[in-house]
Amino acid sequence: MPPQAEGHDDDVLRAYPFDVPRLKPRRLVFEAKHLPASRHHAAAMRLGTLGYSCLRNCPAGLGATNASRDAGQELGQAVWKLA
């Protein structure tokens, strides 16, 4: 059976080499619906310190309006862009 990735998107973000400028993406989309709120918030805080701003499915108080956050919740995708 292949390894399960559900609920580990934040682990991938933590392991990604954001410190290598040529590998730093301008936009990130990751599945947040399987993350507990505390891990989603921690991932959001880290992305914020790396220069990203949240566009959709942001944890409360971090970025987009409620309407944008609700639209992202339907897909379970968090969308971030490099500021």
N, C-alpha and C. Protein backbone atom coordinates (compact mmCIF):
# COMPACT_ATOMS: atom_id res chain seq x y z
N MET A 1 0.85 -1.18 0.00
CA MET A 1 0.00 0.00 0.00
C MET A 1 0.89 1.24 0.00
N PRO A 2 0.60 2.24 -0.88
CA PRO A 2 1.42 3.45 -0.93
C PRO A 2 1.27 4.27 0.35
N PRO A 3 2.27 5.09 0.67
CA PRO A 3 2.17 5.93 1.86
C PRO A 3 1.04 6.94 1.72
N GLN A 4 0.42 7.27 2.82
CA GLN A 4 -0.68 8.23 2.82
C GLN A 4 -0.13 9.64 3.06
N ALA A 5 -0.59 10.60 2.25
CA ALA A 5 -0.13 11.98 2.38
C ALA A 5 -1.19 12.88 2.99
N GLU A 6 -2.43 12.38 3.11
CA GLU A 6 -3.50 13.21 3.65
C GLU A 6 -3.13 13.74 5.02
N GLY A 7 -3.28 15.05 5.19
CA GLY A 7 -3.01 15.66 6.48
C GLY A 7 -1.54 15.94 6.74
N HIS A 8 -0.70 15.85 5.72
CA HIS A 8 0.74 16.10 5.91
C HIS A 8 1.28 17.21 5.02
N ASP A 9 0.39 18.01 4.45
CA ASP A 9 0.85 19.10 3.58
C ASP A 9 1.76 20.06 4.33
N ASP A 10 1.48 20.29 5.59
CA ASP A 10 2.33 21.19 6.38
C ASP A 10 3.73 20.61 6.57
N ASP A 11 3.85 19.30 6.65
CA ASP A 11 5.17 18.66 6.75
C ASP A 11 5.98 18.91 5.47
N VAL A 12 5.31 18.84 4.33
CA VAL A 12 5.98 19.10 3.06
C VAL A 12 6.44 20.55 3.01
N LEU A 13 5.59 21.47 3.45
CA LEU A 13 5.97 22.89 3.47
C LEU A 13 7.16 23.13 4.38
N ARG A 14 7.20 22.45 5.52
CA ARG A 14 8.33 22.60 6.45
C ARG A 14 9.63 22.09 5.83
N ALA A 15 9.55 21.06 5.03
CA ALA A 15 10.74 20.45 4.44
C ALA A 15 11.20 21.15 3.16
N TYR A 16 10.35 21.97 2.56
CA TYR A 16 10.69 22.60 1.29
C TYR A 16 11.81 23.62 1.47
N PRO A 17 12.77 23.68 0.53
CA PRO A 17 13.90 24.61 0.66
C PRO A 17 13.57 26.04 0.21
N PHE A 18 12.77 26.74 0.98
CA PHE A 18 12.40 28.12 0.64
C PHE A 18 13.61 29.05 0.66
N ASP A 19 14.70 28.64 1.28
CA ASP A 19 15.89 29.50 1.36
C ASP A 19 16.70 29.51 0.07
N VAL A 20 16.32 28.68 -0.90
CA VAL A 20 16.99 28.68 -2.21
C VAL A 20 16.16 29.58 -3.14
N PRO A 21 16.66 30.80 -3.42
CA PRO A 21 15.85 31.77 -4.17
C PRO A 21 15.27 31.24 -5.48
N ARG A 22 16.01 30.48 -6.25
CA ARG A 22 15.49 30.02 -7.55
C ARG A 22 14.39 28.96 -7.39
N LEU A 23 14.26 28.40 -6.19
CA LEU A 23 13.22 27.39 -5.94
C LEU A 23 12.02 27.96 -5.20
N LYS A 24 12.07 29.24 -4.86
CA LYS A 24 10.97 29.84 -4.09
C LYS A 24 9.80 30.17 -5.02
N PRO A 25 8.69 29.45 -4.89
CA PRO A 25 7.55 29.68 -5.79
C PRO A 25 6.87 31.01 -5.51
N ARG A 26 6.28 31.59 -6.55
CA ARG A 26 5.54 32.84 -6.38
C ARG A 26 4.14 32.58 -5.82
N ARG A 27 3.63 31.39 -6.04
CA ARG A 27 2.29 31.04 -5.55
C ARG A 27 2.32 29.62 -5.01
N LEU A 28 1.61 29.42 -3.91
CA LEU A 28 1.51 28.11 -3.28
C LEU A 28 0.05 27.73 -3.13
N VAL A 29 -0.26 26.49 -3.42
CA VAL A 29 -1.59 25.94 -3.17
C VAL A 29 -1.37 24.63 -2.44
N PHE A 30 -1.97 24.51 -1.26
CA PHE A 30 -1.88 23.25 -0.54
C PHE A 30 -3.21 22.91 0.08
N GLU A 31 -3.42 21.64 0.29
CA GLU A 31 -4.69 21.18 0.86
C GLU A 31 -4.66 21.35 2.37
N ALA A 32 -5.58 22.14 2.87
CA ALA A 32 -5.61 22.43 4.30
C ALA A 32 -6.75 21.73 5.02
N LYS A 33 -7.67 21.13 4.29
CA LYS A 33 -8.88 20.61 4.94
C LYS A 33 -8.61 19.43 5.87
N HIS A 34 -7.50 18.74 5.71
CA HIS A 34 -7.19 17.62 6.60
C HIS A 34 -6.26 18.01 7.74
N LEU A 35 -5.89 19.29 7.80
CA LEU A 35 -5.02 19.74 8.87
C LEU A 35 -5.84 20.21 10.06
N PRO A 36 -5.42 19.85 11.27
CA PRO A 36 -6.06 20.45 12.44
C PRO A 36 -5.80 21.97 12.41
N ALA A 37 -6.69 22.73 13.00
CA ALA A 37 -6.58 24.19 12.97
C ALA A 37 -5.23 24.68 13.48
N SER A 38 -4.70 24.06 14.50
CA SER A 38 -3.41 24.50 15.06
C SER A 38 -2.27 24.33 14.05
N ARG A 39 -2.28 23.25 13.30
CA ARG A 39 -1.23 23.02 12.30
C ARG A 39 -1.41 23.91 11.07
N HIS A 40 -2.66 24.17 10.71
CA HIS A 40 -2.93 25.09 9.59
C HIS A 40 -2.43 26.48 9.98
N HIS A 41 -2.71 26.90 11.20
CA HIS A 41 -2.27 28.21 11.68
C HIS A 41 -0.75 28.29 11.72
N ALA A 42 -0.09 27.25 12.19
CA ALA A 42 1.38 27.23 12.24
C ALA A 42 1.98 27.33 10.84
N ALA A 43 1.40 26.61 9.88
CA ALA A 43 1.87 26.68 8.50
C ALA A 43 1.67 28.09 7.95
N ALA A 44 0.54 28.70 8.28
CA ALA A 44 0.25 30.06 7.83
C ALA A 44 1.25 31.06 8.42
N MET A 45 1.55 30.91 9.66
CA MET A 45 2.51 31.82 10.30
C MET A 45 3.89 31.68 9.64
N ARG A 46 4.30 30.47 9.35
CA ARG A 46 5.60 30.25 8.70
C ARG A 46 5.61 30.87 7.32
N LEU A 47 4.55 30.66 6.53
CA LEU A 47 4.50 31.24 5.20
C LEU A 47 4.53 32.76 5.26
N GLY A 48 3.87 33.33 6.27
CA GLY A 48 3.90 34.78 6.45
C GLY A 48 5.31 35.29 6.70
N THR A 49 6.08 34.57 7.51
CA THR A 49 7.45 34.99 7.80
C THR A 49 8.35 34.82 6.57
N LEU A 50 7.95 33.98 5.64
CA LEU A 50 8.72 33.78 4.41
C LEU A 50 8.35 34.78 3.32
N GLY A 51 7.41 35.69 3.62
CA GLY A 51 7.04 36.73 2.65
C GLY A 51 5.80 36.45 1.84
N TYR A 52 5.01 35.46 2.24
CA TYR A 52 3.78 35.12 1.52
C TYR A 52 2.57 35.77 2.18
N SER A 53 1.56 36.06 1.38
CA SER A 53 0.30 36.54 1.91
C SER A 53 -0.81 35.59 1.46
N CYS A 54 -1.78 35.41 2.33
CA CYS A 54 -2.85 34.45 2.08
C CYS A 54 -3.94 35.07 1.21
N LEU A 55 -4.36 34.33 0.20
CA LEU A 55 -5.43 34.78 -0.69
C LEU A 55 -6.74 34.04 -0.44
N ARG A 56 -6.65 32.76 -0.06
CA ARG A 56 -7.87 31.96 0.10
C ARG A 56 -7.64 30.87 1.14
N ASN A 57 -8.68 30.58 1.91
CA ASN A 57 -8.67 29.56 2.95
C ASN A 57 -7.62 29.87 4.02
N CYS A 58 -7.66 31.12 4.46
CA CYS A 58 -6.73 31.59 5.48
C CYS A 58 -7.26 31.25 6.87
N PRO A 59 -6.38 30.91 7.79
CA PRO A 59 -6.84 30.78 9.17
C PRO A 59 -7.40 32.12 9.63
N ALA A 60 -8.35 32.09 10.54
CA ALA A 60 -9.00 33.31 11.02
C ALA A 60 -7.96 34.34 11.45
N GLY A 61 -8.15 35.57 10.97
CA GLY A 61 -7.27 36.67 11.33
C GLY A 61 -6.01 36.78 10.50
N LEU A 62 -5.82 35.90 9.52
CA LEU A 62 -4.59 35.93 8.73
C LEU A 62 -4.90 36.03 7.25
N GLY A 63 -5.22 37.20 6.78
CA GLY A 63 -5.34 37.36 5.34
C GLY A 63 -6.71 37.69 4.83
N ALA A 64 -7.20 36.86 3.94
CA ALA A 64 -8.40 37.14 3.14
C ALA A 64 -9.65 37.34 4.00
N THR A 65 -10.64 37.93 3.37
CA THR A 65 -11.92 38.17 4.02
C THR A 65 -12.64 36.84 4.27
N ASN A 66 -13.70 36.89 5.04
CA ASN A 66 -14.48 35.67 5.30
C ASN A 66 -15.01 35.06 4.01
N ALA A 67 -15.45 35.90 3.07
CA ALA A 67 -15.98 35.37 1.81
C ALA A 67 -14.90 34.59 1.07
N SER A 68 -13.70 35.12 1.03
CA SER A 68 -12.61 34.40 0.37
C SER A 68 -12.26 33.14 1.13
N ARG A 69 -12.26 33.24 2.45
CA ARG A 69 -11.92 32.08 3.27
C ARG A 69 -12.98 30.99 3.06
N ASP A 70 -14.26 31.37 3.02
CA ASP A 70 -15.32 30.38 2.82
C ASP A 70 -15.21 29.72 1.44
N ALA A 71 -14.89 30.50 0.41
CA ALA A 71 -14.75 29.92 -0.93
C ALA A 71 -13.63 28.90 -0.95
N GLY A 72 -12.54 29.19 -0.29
CA GLY A 72 -11.43 28.24 -0.23
C GLY A 72 -11.77 27.01 0.56
N GLN A 73 -12.59 27.14 1.59
CA GLN A 73 -12.97 26.00 2.41
C GLN A 73 -13.68 24.95 1.57
N GLU A 74 -14.47 25.40 0.57
CA GLU A 74 -15.19 24.43 -0.26
C GLU A 74 -14.22 23.49 -0.97
N LEU A 75 -13.10 24.00 -1.39
CA LEU A 75 -12.11 23.20 -2.10
C LEU A 75 -11.10 22.57 -1.15
N GLY A 76 -10.98 23.12 0.06
CA GLY A 76 -9.99 22.63 1.00
C GLY A 76 -8.58 23.06 0.65
N GLN A 77 -8.46 24.03 -0.26
CA GLN A 77 -7.15 24.49 -0.70
C GLN A 77 -6.83 25.85 -0.11
N ALA A 78 -5.62 25.96 0.45
CA ALA A 78 -5.12 27.24 0.88
C ALA A 78 -4.27 27.80 -0.25
N VAL A 79 -4.46 29.07 -0.57
CA VAL A 79 -3.72 29.71 -1.67
C VAL A 79 -2.94 30.88 -1.10
N TRP A 80 -1.65 30.90 -1.40
CA TRP A 80 -0.74 31.95 -0.92
C TRP A 80 0.06 32.49 -2.08
N LYS A 81 0.40 33.78 -2.02
CA LYS A 81 1.26 34.37 -3.05
C LYS A 81 2.42 35.08 -2.38
N LEU A 82 3.53 35.13 -3.09
CA LEU A 82 4.71 35.81 -2.62
C LEU A 82 4.45 37.30 -2.75
N ALA A 83 4.61 38.02 -1.67
CA ALA A 83 4.32 39.47 -1.66
C ALA A 83 5.39 40.25 -2.40
